[in-house]
Amino acid sequence: MFTAILSAIPLWIFPLLFGLVWLGLRASKPRAVSVWMVYALPMLGLLSLNAAQGLAQAEAALTVLALAYIVGAVWGYRAQGAWIIRRDTRRVHLRGEWVTMVTILSLFALNFATGMVQGMGPSLAGGIPFALGFGMLAGALSGSLMGRALRVARWPVTA
């Protein structure tokens, strides 16, 4: 059974996982990054949007995802202020934190587990509780990345 699971995993998953771990470890230390890197991070939420559309109860999942996205964005906006040191025209200087690692790896694991459940237990993945749980978690995690990017965008630029 384990080999069947491994053989069904697309090869691009492993480089993505290593890239996300690298990104999360980098975020754990004080750093200066391009503002565009912060603005691009919410694109990881598109993976969840795609996964939600593939669920049997897609309408319920997408509705909850949208609502949780708003909640996550508000939280992300508020939390990001504690990590910004300063921002200039091209870079933002950030304190080290582990929230980025937890968020992006949680999104990765959630989407990966959803795909596994759809393949191994379609009756479970087709239920409304699964769709609501997926939408709530994916929306909150994705929204937090968007809120953080919005906070950086609105942060005063210093010369």
N, C-alpha and C. Protein backbone atom coordinates (compact mmCIF):
# COMPACT_ATOMS: atom_id res chain seq x y z
N MET A 1 0.82 -1.19 0.00
CA MET A 1 0.00 0.00 0.00
C MET A 1 0.87 1.27 0.00
N PHE A 2 1.96 1.25 0.78
CA PHE A 2 2.83 2.42 0.86
C PHE A 2 3.45 2.73 -0.50
N THR A 3 3.86 1.70 -1.22
CA THR A 3 4.45 1.93 -2.54
C THR A 3 3.41 2.46 -3.51
N ALA A 4 2.17 2.05 -3.36
CA ALA A 4 1.10 2.57 -4.22
C ALA A 4 0.90 4.06 -3.97
N ILE A 5 0.98 4.46 -2.72
CA ILE A 5 0.84 5.88 -2.38
C ILE A 5 2.01 6.67 -2.97
N LEU A 6 3.23 6.17 -2.77
CA LEU A 6 4.41 6.86 -3.28
C LEU A 6 4.40 6.96 -4.81
N SER A 7 3.94 5.93 -5.47
CA SER A 7 3.94 5.95 -6.94
C SER A 7 2.90 6.92 -7.50
N ALA A 8 1.91 7.28 -6.69
CA ALA A 8 0.87 8.20 -7.15
C ALA A 8 1.23 9.67 -6.90
N ILE A 9 2.32 9.91 -6.20
CA ILE A 9 2.73 11.29 -5.89
C ILE A 9 3.44 11.87 -7.11
N PRO A 10 2.99 13.01 -7.61
CA PRO A 10 3.69 13.65 -8.73
C PRO A 10 5.12 14.04 -8.34
N LEU A 11 6.04 13.95 -9.26
CA LEU A 11 7.44 14.24 -8.96
C LEU A 11 7.69 15.69 -8.56
N TRP A 12 6.88 16.62 -9.02
CA TRP A 12 7.10 18.02 -8.71
C TRP A 12 6.81 18.35 -7.24
N ILE A 13 6.15 17.43 -6.54
CA ILE A 13 5.82 17.66 -5.13
C ILE A 13 7.09 17.78 -4.28
N PHE A 14 8.09 16.94 -4.55
CA PHE A 14 9.28 16.92 -3.70
C PHE A 14 10.11 18.21 -3.82
N PRO A 15 10.39 18.72 -5.03
CA PRO A 15 11.09 20.01 -5.09
C PRO A 15 10.28 21.14 -4.45
N LEU A 16 8.96 21.10 -4.61
CA LEU A 16 8.12 22.12 -3.98
C LEU A 16 8.26 22.06 -2.47
N LEU A 17 8.21 20.86 -1.90
CA LEU A 17 8.35 20.70 -0.45
C LEU A 17 9.70 21.23 0.03
N PHE A 18 10.78 20.87 -0.66
CA PHE A 18 12.10 21.35 -0.26
C PHE A 18 12.19 22.86 -0.38
N GLY A 19 11.61 23.43 -1.41
CA GLY A 19 11.60 24.88 -1.57
C GLY A 19 10.84 25.58 -0.46
N LEU A 20 9.72 25.00 -0.06
CA LEU A 20 8.92 25.59 1.02
C LEU A 20 9.64 25.50 2.36
N VAL A 21 10.31 24.38 2.61
CA VAL A 21 11.09 24.24 3.84
C VAL A 21 12.22 25.27 3.85
N TRP A 22 12.92 25.43 2.72
CA TRP A 22 13.99 26.43 2.63
C TRP A 22 13.44 27.83 2.91
N LEU A 23 12.30 28.15 2.32
CA LEU A 23 11.67 29.45 2.51
C LEU A 23 11.30 29.66 3.98
N GLY A 24 10.74 28.64 4.61
CA GLY A 24 10.35 28.74 6.01
C GLY A 24 11.55 28.89 6.94
N LEU A 25 12.62 28.15 6.66
CA LEU A 25 13.83 28.28 7.48
C LEU A 25 14.45 29.67 7.32
N ARG A 26 14.42 30.19 6.11
CA ARG A 26 14.93 31.54 5.86
C ARG A 26 14.12 32.57 6.64
N ALA A 27 12.80 32.35 6.72
CA ALA A 27 11.93 33.29 7.44
C ALA A 27 12.13 33.25 8.94
N SER A 28 12.78 32.22 9.44
CA SER A 28 12.98 32.11 10.89
C SER A 28 14.10 33.03 11.40
N LYS A 29 14.83 33.64 10.48
CA LYS A 29 15.94 34.52 10.85
C LYS A 29 15.67 35.94 10.36
N PRO A 30 16.22 36.94 11.06
CA PRO A 30 16.06 38.31 10.55
C PRO A 30 16.62 38.39 9.13
N ARG A 31 15.92 39.14 8.26
CA ARG A 31 16.30 39.16 6.86
C ARG A 31 15.76 40.39 6.16
N ALA A 32 16.32 40.65 5.00
CA ALA A 32 15.81 41.68 4.10
C ALA A 32 15.43 40.97 2.81
N VAL A 33 14.18 41.10 2.41
CA VAL A 33 13.71 40.42 1.21
C VAL A 33 13.05 41.43 0.28
N SER A 34 12.99 41.06 -0.97
CA SER A 34 12.29 41.88 -1.94
C SER A 34 10.81 41.94 -1.56
N VAL A 35 10.23 43.11 -1.71
CA VAL A 35 8.80 43.22 -1.42
C VAL A 35 8.00 42.30 -2.34
N TRP A 36 8.52 42.03 -3.52
CA TRP A 36 7.80 41.16 -4.46
C TRP A 36 7.72 39.73 -3.96
N MET A 37 8.71 39.30 -3.17
CA MET A 37 8.66 37.97 -2.59
C MET A 37 7.48 37.87 -1.61
N VAL A 38 7.31 38.91 -0.82
CA VAL A 38 6.19 38.95 0.13
C VAL A 38 4.87 39.00 -0.63
N TYR A 39 4.84 39.76 -1.72
CA TYR A 39 3.61 39.87 -2.51
C TYR A 39 3.29 38.58 -3.25
N ALA A 40 4.29 37.77 -3.57
CA ALA A 40 4.07 36.52 -4.31
C ALA A 40 3.62 35.37 -3.41
N LEU A 41 3.94 35.44 -2.13
CA LEU A 41 3.61 34.33 -1.22
C LEU A 41 2.12 33.98 -1.18
N PRO A 42 1.20 34.94 -1.26
CA PRO A 42 -0.22 34.57 -1.27
C PRO A 42 -0.64 33.71 -2.46
N MET A 43 0.20 33.64 -3.49
CA MET A 43 -0.14 32.79 -4.64
C MET A 43 -0.20 31.32 -4.26
N LEU A 44 0.42 30.94 -3.13
CA LEU A 44 0.30 29.57 -2.66
C LEU A 44 -1.16 29.20 -2.38
N GLY A 45 -1.95 30.21 -2.08
CA GLY A 45 -3.38 29.98 -1.84
C GLY A 45 -4.12 29.50 -3.07
N LEU A 46 -3.56 29.76 -4.24
CA LEU A 46 -4.21 29.29 -5.47
C LEU A 46 -4.25 27.76 -5.54
N LEU A 47 -3.27 27.11 -4.91
CA LEU A 47 -3.30 25.65 -4.86
C LEU A 47 -4.55 25.17 -4.11
N SER A 48 -4.88 25.87 -3.03
CA SER A 48 -6.06 25.50 -2.25
C SER A 48 -7.34 25.80 -3.00
N LEU A 49 -7.35 26.89 -3.73
CA LEU A 49 -8.52 27.23 -4.54
C LEU A 49 -8.78 26.14 -5.58
N ASN A 50 -7.73 25.69 -6.21
CA ASN A 50 -7.85 24.62 -7.19
C ASN A 50 -8.33 23.33 -6.54
N ALA A 51 -7.79 23.01 -5.37
CA ALA A 51 -8.20 21.80 -4.66
C ALA A 51 -9.67 21.88 -4.23
N ALA A 52 -10.12 23.05 -3.78
CA ALA A 52 -11.51 23.22 -3.35
C ALA A 52 -12.46 23.02 -4.53
N GLN A 53 -12.08 23.48 -5.70
CA GLN A 53 -12.93 23.31 -6.87
C GLN A 53 -13.04 21.84 -7.28
N GLY A 54 -12.07 21.03 -6.90
CA GLY A 54 -12.09 19.61 -7.24
C GLY A 54 -12.88 18.75 -6.27
N LEU A 55 -13.35 19.33 -5.17
CA LEU A 55 -14.13 18.56 -4.20
C LEU A 55 -15.55 18.34 -4.68
N ALA A 56 -16.16 17.26 -4.22
CA ALA A 56 -17.55 16.98 -4.60
C ALA A 56 -18.49 18.08 -4.09
N GLN A 57 -18.21 18.61 -2.93
CA GLN A 57 -19.00 19.69 -2.34
C GLN A 57 -18.26 21.02 -2.54
N ALA A 58 -17.91 21.30 -3.78
CA ALA A 58 -17.07 22.46 -4.09
C ALA A 58 -17.72 23.77 -3.69
N GLU A 59 -19.02 23.89 -3.88
CA GLU A 59 -19.69 25.16 -3.55
C GLU A 59 -19.58 25.47 -2.06
N ALA A 60 -19.80 24.48 -1.22
CA ALA A 60 -19.67 24.67 0.23
C ALA A 60 -18.23 24.98 0.61
N ALA A 61 -17.29 24.24 0.02
CA ALA A 61 -15.87 24.47 0.33
C ALA A 61 -15.44 25.87 -0.08
N LEU A 62 -15.86 26.32 -1.24
CA LEU A 62 -15.47 27.65 -1.72
C LEU A 62 -16.10 28.77 -0.90
N THR A 63 -17.33 28.57 -0.45
CA THR A 63 -18.00 29.57 0.38
C THR A 63 -17.28 29.74 1.71
N VAL A 64 -16.99 28.62 2.36
CA VAL A 64 -16.29 28.68 3.65
C VAL A 64 -14.87 29.18 3.45
N LEU A 65 -14.23 28.77 2.36
CA LEU A 65 -12.89 29.24 2.06
C LEU A 65 -12.87 30.76 1.95
N ALA A 66 -13.83 31.33 1.26
CA ALA A 66 -13.88 32.80 1.09
C ALA A 66 -14.07 33.51 2.43
N LEU A 67 -14.95 32.99 3.27
CA LEU A 67 -15.17 33.61 4.57
C LEU A 67 -13.95 33.49 5.47
N ALA A 68 -13.34 32.31 5.49
CA ALA A 68 -12.14 32.10 6.31
C ALA A 68 -10.96 32.90 5.77
N TYR A 69 -10.94 33.12 4.47
CA TYR A 69 -9.89 33.92 3.85
C TYR A 69 -9.90 35.34 4.41
N ILE A 70 -11.08 35.89 4.56
CA ILE A 70 -11.22 37.25 5.12
C ILE A 70 -10.71 37.28 6.56
N VAL A 71 -11.10 36.29 7.35
CA VAL A 71 -10.65 36.22 8.75
C VAL A 71 -9.13 36.08 8.81
N GLY A 72 -8.59 35.20 7.98
CA GLY A 72 -7.14 35.01 7.94
C GLY A 72 -6.41 36.26 7.50
N ALA A 73 -6.98 36.98 6.54
CA ALA A 73 -6.34 38.22 6.05
C ALA A 73 -6.30 39.27 7.15
N VAL A 74 -7.36 39.38 7.92
CA VAL A 74 -7.38 40.35 9.03
C VAL A 74 -6.31 39.97 10.05
N TRP A 75 -6.24 38.69 10.41
CA TRP A 75 -5.23 38.25 11.36
C TRP A 75 -3.82 38.49 10.81
N GLY A 76 -3.58 38.11 9.56
CA GLY A 76 -2.27 38.28 8.95
C GLY A 76 -1.84 39.74 8.90
N TYR A 77 -2.80 40.61 8.60
CA TYR A 77 -2.51 42.04 8.54
C TYR A 77 -2.05 42.55 9.91
N ARG A 78 -2.76 42.14 10.94
CA ARG A 78 -2.42 42.58 12.30
C ARG A 78 -1.09 41.99 12.76
N ALA A 79 -0.87 40.73 12.49
CA ALA A 79 0.33 40.05 12.98
C ALA A 79 1.59 40.54 12.29
N GLN A 80 1.51 40.86 11.02
CA GLN A 80 2.71 41.24 10.25
C GLN A 80 3.39 42.48 10.82
N GLY A 81 2.63 43.37 11.41
CA GLY A 81 3.21 44.59 11.97
C GLY A 81 4.29 44.31 13.00
N ALA A 82 4.19 43.19 13.72
CA ALA A 82 5.19 42.86 14.74
C ALA A 82 6.51 42.40 14.13
N TRP A 83 6.51 42.01 12.87
CA TRP A 83 7.71 41.45 12.25
C TRP A 83 8.42 42.41 11.31
N ILE A 84 7.78 43.52 10.95
CA ILE A 84 8.42 44.46 10.04
C ILE A 84 9.35 45.39 10.83
N ILE A 85 10.58 45.46 10.41
CA ILE A 85 11.53 46.39 11.01
C ILE A 85 11.46 47.71 10.25
N ARG A 86 11.62 47.65 8.94
CA ARG A 86 11.48 48.83 8.10
C ARG A 86 11.30 48.37 6.65
N ARG A 87 10.91 49.32 5.83
CA ARG A 87 10.73 49.03 4.41
C ARG A 87 11.30 50.18 3.59
N ASP A 88 12.07 49.84 2.56
CA ASP A 88 12.51 50.85 1.61
C ASP A 88 11.81 50.57 0.28
N THR A 89 12.23 51.19 -0.77
CA THR A 89 11.49 51.08 -2.03
C THR A 89 11.53 49.67 -2.62
N ARG A 90 12.60 48.91 -2.36
CA ARG A 90 12.72 47.59 -2.98
C ARG A 90 12.71 46.43 -2.00
N ARG A 91 13.00 46.69 -0.75
CA ARG A 91 13.14 45.60 0.22
C ARG A 91 12.37 45.90 1.50
N VAL A 92 12.02 44.82 2.16
CA VAL A 92 11.41 44.95 3.48
C VAL A 92 12.31 44.17 4.44
N HIS A 93 12.62 44.77 5.56
CA HIS A 93 13.48 44.16 6.57
C HIS A 93 12.56 43.58 7.66
N LEU A 94 12.72 42.28 7.88
CA LEU A 94 11.81 41.56 8.76
C LEU A 94 12.55 40.87 9.89
N ARG A 95 11.87 40.74 11.02
CA ARG A 95 12.37 39.95 12.13
C ARG A 95 12.15 38.47 11.79
N GLY A 96 12.93 37.62 12.41
CA GLY A 96 12.73 36.19 12.23
C GLY A 96 11.46 35.73 12.95
N GLU A 97 10.76 34.80 12.34
CA GLU A 97 9.54 34.22 12.94
C GLU A 97 9.27 32.86 12.31
N TRP A 98 8.55 32.02 13.02
CA TRP A 98 8.26 30.67 12.54
C TRP A 98 6.87 30.56 11.94
N VAL A 99 6.08 31.61 12.00
CA VAL A 99 4.71 31.55 11.49
C VAL A 99 4.69 31.28 9.99
N THR A 100 5.64 31.85 9.26
CA THR A 100 5.70 31.60 7.82
C THR A 100 5.90 30.12 7.54
N MET A 101 6.84 29.49 8.21
CA MET A 101 7.09 28.06 8.02
C MET A 101 5.84 27.24 8.34
N VAL A 102 5.23 27.51 9.47
CA VAL A 102 4.03 26.76 9.86
C VAL A 102 2.90 26.96 8.84
N THR A 103 2.72 28.18 8.38
CA THR A 103 1.64 28.49 7.45
C THR A 103 1.84 27.80 6.10
N ILE A 104 3.01 27.96 5.51
CA ILE A 104 3.20 27.40 4.18
C ILE A 104 3.27 25.88 4.19
N LEU A 105 3.86 25.30 5.24
CA LEU A 105 3.88 23.84 5.32
C LEU A 105 2.51 23.28 5.67
N SER A 106 1.73 24.01 6.43
CA SER A 106 0.35 23.58 6.71
C SER A 106 -0.49 23.59 5.43
N LEU A 107 -0.33 24.63 4.63
CA LEU A 107 -1.03 24.68 3.35
C LEU A 107 -0.61 23.52 2.45
N PHE A 108 0.68 23.27 2.40
CA PHE A 108 1.19 22.16 1.60
C PHE A 108 0.60 20.83 2.08
N ALA A 109 0.68 20.59 3.39
CA ALA A 109 0.18 19.34 3.96
C ALA A 109 -1.33 19.19 3.76
N LEU A 110 -2.06 20.28 3.92
CA LEU A 110 -3.51 20.24 3.74
C LEU A 110 -3.87 19.85 2.31
N ASN A 111 -3.23 20.48 1.34
CA ASN A 111 -3.51 20.17 -0.05
C ASN A 111 -3.06 18.75 -0.41
N PHE A 112 -1.92 18.33 0.10
CA PHE A 112 -1.43 16.98 -0.14
C PHE A 112 -2.37 15.94 0.46
N ALA A 113 -2.78 16.16 1.71
CA ALA A 113 -3.68 15.22 2.38
C ALA A 113 -5.04 15.17 1.68
N THR A 114 -5.51 16.31 1.20
CA THR A 114 -6.78 16.34 0.49
C THR A 114 -6.71 15.49 -0.77
N GLY A 115 -5.62 15.61 -1.51
CA GLY A 115 -5.44 14.78 -2.70
C GLY A 115 -5.38 13.31 -2.36
N MET A 116 -4.71 12.97 -1.25
CA MET A 116 -4.64 11.57 -0.84
C MET A 116 -6.02 11.03 -0.46
N VAL A 117 -6.77 11.81 0.29
CA VAL A 117 -8.10 11.37 0.71
C VAL A 117 -9.01 11.20 -0.51
N GLN A 118 -8.90 12.12 -1.46
CA GLN A 118 -9.72 12.00 -2.68
C GLN A 118 -9.38 10.72 -3.43
N GLY A 119 -8.11 10.34 -3.42
CA GLY A 119 -7.71 9.13 -4.13
C GLY A 119 -8.01 7.85 -3.37
N MET A 120 -7.85 7.87 -2.04
CA MET A 120 -7.99 6.65 -1.26
C MET A 120 -9.36 6.49 -0.61
N GLY A 121 -10.04 7.58 -0.33
CA GLY A 121 -11.35 7.50 0.32
C GLY A 121 -12.32 8.50 -0.26
N PRO A 122 -12.70 8.31 -1.52
CA PRO A 122 -13.55 9.32 -2.18
C PRO A 122 -14.87 9.58 -1.45
N SER A 123 -15.39 8.58 -0.76
CA SER A 123 -16.66 8.80 -0.04
C SER A 123 -16.45 9.77 1.12
N LEU A 124 -15.30 9.71 1.77
CA LEU A 124 -14.98 10.65 2.84
C LEU A 124 -14.77 12.05 2.27
N ALA A 125 -14.02 12.13 1.18
CA ALA A 125 -13.74 13.43 0.56
C ALA A 125 -14.99 14.06 -0.04
N GLY A 126 -16.01 13.26 -0.33
CA GLY A 126 -17.23 13.78 -0.93
C GLY A 126 -18.22 14.35 0.07
N GLY A 127 -17.95 14.20 1.36
CA GLY A 127 -18.88 14.67 2.38
C GLY A 127 -18.76 16.16 2.65
N ILE A 128 -19.85 16.70 3.17
CA ILE A 128 -19.89 18.12 3.49
C ILE A 128 -18.95 18.48 4.65
N PRO A 129 -18.79 17.64 5.68
CA PRO A 129 -17.85 18.01 6.75
C PRO A 129 -16.41 18.15 6.23
N PHE A 130 -16.02 17.29 5.33
CA PHE A 130 -14.68 17.37 4.75
C PHE A 130 -14.52 18.68 3.98
N ALA A 131 -15.51 19.02 3.18
CA ALA A 131 -15.45 20.25 2.38
C ALA A 131 -15.40 21.48 3.28
N LEU A 132 -16.19 21.49 4.34
CA LEU A 132 -16.20 22.65 5.25
C LEU A 132 -14.88 22.76 6.01
N GLY A 133 -14.36 21.63 6.47
CA GLY A 133 -13.08 21.65 7.18
C GLY A 133 -11.94 22.11 6.29
N PHE A 134 -11.93 21.58 5.06
CA PHE A 134 -10.90 22.00 4.11
C PHE A 134 -11.01 23.50 3.83
N GLY A 135 -12.21 23.96 3.55
CA GLY A 135 -12.41 25.38 3.23
C GLY A 135 -12.00 26.29 4.37
N MET A 136 -12.33 25.89 5.60
CA MET A 136 -11.99 26.72 6.75
C MET A 136 -10.47 26.81 6.93
N LEU A 137 -9.79 25.68 6.91
CA LEU A 137 -8.35 25.69 7.11
C LEU A 137 -7.61 26.36 5.95
N ALA A 138 -7.97 25.99 4.73
CA ALA A 138 -7.29 26.55 3.55
C ALA A 138 -7.53 28.05 3.45
N GLY A 139 -8.73 28.49 3.74
CA GLY A 139 -9.04 29.92 3.66
C GLY A 139 -8.28 30.73 4.70
N ALA A 140 -8.26 30.25 5.93
CA ALA A 140 -7.57 30.99 6.99
C ALA A 140 -6.07 31.06 6.73
N LEU A 141 -5.47 29.95 6.31
CA LEU A 141 -4.04 29.94 6.04
C LEU A 141 -3.69 30.84 4.85
N SER A 142 -4.43 30.68 3.76
CA SER A 142 -4.18 31.49 2.56
C SER A 142 -4.43 32.97 2.83
N GLY A 143 -5.49 33.26 3.54
CA GLY A 143 -5.82 34.65 3.85
C GLY A 143 -4.76 35.31 4.71
N SER A 144 -4.15 34.55 5.62
CA SER A 144 -3.12 35.15 6.46
C SER A 144 -1.93 35.62 5.63
N LEU A 145 -1.60 34.88 4.59
CA LEU A 145 -0.51 35.31 3.70
C LEU A 145 -0.88 36.58 2.96
N MET A 146 -2.13 36.69 2.54
CA MET A 146 -2.58 37.90 1.84
C MET A 146 -2.58 39.10 2.79
N GLY A 147 -3.05 38.92 4.01
CA GLY A 147 -3.06 40.01 4.98
C GLY A 147 -1.66 40.51 5.28
N ARG A 148 -0.72 39.59 5.36
CA ARG A 148 0.67 39.97 5.61
C ARG A 148 1.23 40.78 4.45
N ALA A 149 0.91 40.36 3.22
CA ALA A 149 1.37 41.10 2.04
C ALA A 149 0.75 42.49 1.99
N LEU A 150 -0.51 42.59 2.35
CA LEU A 150 -1.17 43.90 2.36
C LEU A 150 -0.54 44.83 3.40
N ARG A 151 -0.16 44.29 4.54
CA ARG A 151 0.48 45.10 5.57
C ARG A 151 1.83 45.63 5.09
N VAL A 152 2.59 44.78 4.42
CA VAL A 152 3.86 45.24 3.87
C VAL A 152 3.63 46.32 2.82
N ALA A 153 2.62 46.14 1.99
CA ALA A 153 2.33 47.12 0.94
C ALA A 153 1.95 48.48 1.53
N ARG A 154 1.30 48.47 2.67
CA ARG A 154 0.84 49.72 3.29
C ARG A 154 1.87 50.30 4.27
N TRP A 155 2.96 49.59 4.52
CA TRP A 155 3.97 50.05 5.48
C TRP A 155 4.69 51.27 4.91
N PRO A 156 4.95 52.28 5.73
CA PRO A 156 5.64 53.48 5.23
C PRO A 156 7.03 53.15 4.67
N VAL A 157 7.33 53.72 3.52
CA VAL A 157 8.62 53.52 2.86
C VAL A 157 9.59 54.58 3.37
N THR A 158 10.78 54.12 3.82
CA THR A 158 11.81 55.03 4.27
C THR A 158 12.89 55.14 3.20
N ALA A 159 13.56 56.24 3.18
CA ALA A 159 14.60 56.47 2.15
C ALA A 159 15.85 55.69 2.43
